């Protein structure tokens, strides 16, 4: 029977919470990999709702343009 990597992961993280597992994975990641992951999430969020990222800027510009 071939080794199943999922079984090894279950044994490795048995009894740990999801937050503990996530913390351990992030501690083992390099800084460059963390930055690449964060930028990917940012680009995904921006593509899902582009108006939300400009909301605050537009509101301030509109507010200032009305005042003399």
C-alpha atoms as a PDB file:
ATOM      1  CA  UNK A   1       0.000   0.000   0.000  1.00  0.00           C
ATOM      2  CA  UNK A   2       1.531   3.366  -1.031  1.00  0.00           C
ATOM      3  CA  UNK A   3       2.021   6.035   1.610  1.00  0.00           C
ATOM      4  CA  UNK A   4      -0.710   8.622   1.723  1.00  0.00           C
ATOM      5  CA  UNK A   5       0.626  12.150   2.485  1.00  0.00           C
ATOM      6  CA  UNK A   6      -2.755  13.142   3.955  1.00  0.00           C
ATOM      7  CA  UNK A   7      -2.419  10.484   6.618  1.00  0.00           C
ATOM      8  CA  UNK A   8       0.988  11.872   7.602  1.00  0.00           C
ATOM      9  CA  UNK A   9      -0.478  15.378   7.900  1.00  0.00           C
ATOM     10  CA  UNK A  10      -3.325  14.151  10.068  1.00  0.00           C
ATOM     11  CA  UNK A  11      -0.875  12.426  12.385  1.00  0.00           C
ATOM     12  CA  UNK A  12       1.431  15.457  12.465  1.00  0.00           C
ATOM     13  CA  UNK A  13      -1.306  17.943  13.376  1.00  0.00           C
ATOM     14  CA  UNK A  14      -3.484  15.652  15.496  1.00  0.00           C
ATOM     15  CA  UNK A  15      -4.984  17.520  18.423  1.00  0.00           C
ATOM     16  CA  UNK A  16      -4.037  21.002  17.152  1.00  0.00           C
ATOM     17  CA  UNK A  17      -6.476  23.761  16.297  1.00  0.00           C
ATOM     18  CA  UNK A  18      -6.665  25.184  12.779  1.00  0.00           C
ATOM     19  CA  UNK A  19      -5.067  28.409  14.039  1.00  0.00           C
ATOM     20  CA  UNK A  20      -2.109  26.495  15.500  1.00  0.00           C
ATOM     21  CA  UNK A  21      -1.635  24.617  12.219  1.00  0.00           C
ATOM     22  CA  UNK A  22      -1.787  27.867  10.216  1.00  0.00           C
ATOM     23  CA  UNK A  23       0.714  29.543  12.548  1.00  0.00           C
ATOM     24  CA  UNK A  24       3.135  26.644  12.183  1.00  0.00           C
ATOM     25  CA  UNK A  25       2.880  26.677   8.375  1.00  0.00           C
ATOM     26  CA  UNK A  26       3.471  30.453   8.240  1.00  0.00           C
ATOM     27  CA  UNK A  27       6.461  30.219  10.586  1.00  0.00           C
ATOM     28  CA  UNK A  28       8.055  27.722   8.215  1.00  0.00           C
ATOM     29  CA  UNK A  29       7.442  29.915   5.128  1.00  0.00           C
ATOM     30  CA  UNK A  30      10.091  32.262   3.814  1.00  0.00           C
ATOM     31  CA  UNK A  31       9.387  36.014   3.804  1.00  0.00           C
ATOM     32  CA  UNK A  32       9.331  36.087   0.011  1.00  0.00           C
ATOM     33  CA  UNK A  33       6.732  33.342  -0.145  1.00  0.00           C
ATOM     34  CA  UNK A  34       4.577  35.182   2.414  1.00  0.00           C
ATOM     35  CA  UNK A  35       4.747  38.391   0.343  1.00  0.00           C
ATOM     36  CA  UNK A  36       3.840  36.522  -2.840  1.00  0.00           C
ATOM     37  CA  UNK A  37       0.867  34.905  -1.087  1.00  0.00           C
ATOM     38  CA  UNK A  38      -0.327  38.241   0.351  1.00  0.00           C
ATOM     39  CA  UNK A  39      -0.073  40.002  -3.009  1.00  0.00           C
ATOM     40  CA  UNK A  40      -2.036  37.190  -4.634  1.00  0.00           C
ATOM     41  CA  UNK A  41      -4.821  37.541  -2.074  1.00  0.00           C
ATOM     42  CA  UNK A  42      -4.830  41.324  -2.544  1.00  0.00           C
ATOM     43  CA  UNK A  43      -5.118  41.003  -6.332  1.00  0.00           C
ATOM     44  CA  UNK A  44      -7.925  38.451  -5.953  1.00  0.00           C
ATOM     45  CA  UNK A  45      -9.869  40.689  -3.563  1.00  0.00           C
ATOM     46  CA  UNK A  46      -9.347  43.719  -5.795  1.00  0.00           C
ATOM     47  CA  UNK A  47     -10.608  41.861  -8.861  1.00  0.00           C
ATOM     48  CA  UNK A  48     -13.699  40.683  -6.961  1.00  0.00           C
ATOM     49  CA  UNK A  49     -14.714  44.187  -5.848  1.00  0.00           C
ATOM     50  CA  UNK A  50     -12.687  46.993  -7.458  1.00  0.00           C
ATOM     51  CA  UNK A  51     -15.048  49.769  -6.288  1.00  0.00           C
ATOM     52  CA  UNK A  52     -14.384  49.006  -2.618  1.00  0.00           C
ATOM     53  CA  UNK A  53     -10.691  49.875  -2.915  1.00  0.00           C
ATOM     54  CA  UNK A  54     -11.403  53.380  -4.228  1.00  0.00           C
ATOM     55  CA  UNK A  55     -14.369  54.189  -2.011  1.00  0.00           C
ATOM     56  CA  UNK A  56     -12.507  56.161   0.642  1.00  0.00           C
ATOM     57  CA  UNK A  57     -10.444  58.092  -1.909  1.00  0.00           C
ATOM     58  CA  UNK A  58     -13.451  59.111  -3.980  1.00  0.00           C
ATOM     59  CA  UNK A  59     -15.365  60.205  -0.916  1.00  0.00           C
ATOM     60  CA  UNK A  60     -12.560  62.479   0.284  1.00  0.00           C
ATOM     61  CA  UNK A  61     -12.018  64.004  -3.170  1.00  0.00           C
ATOM     62  CA  UNK A  62     -15.754  64.632  -3.619  1.00  0.00           C
ATOM     63  CA  UNK A  63     -15.990  66.171  -0.149  1.00  0.00           C
ATOM     64  CA  UNK A  64     -13.025  68.494  -0.763  1.00  0.00           C
ATOM     65  CA  UNK A  65     -14.185  69.516  -4.234  1.00  0.00           C
ATOM     66  CA  UNK A  66     -17.495  70.816  -2.857  1.00  0.00           C
ATOM     67  CA  UNK A  67     -15.781  73.049  -0.318  1.00  0.00           C
ATOM     68  CA  UNK A  68     -14.315  76.280  -1.733  1.00  0.00           C
END
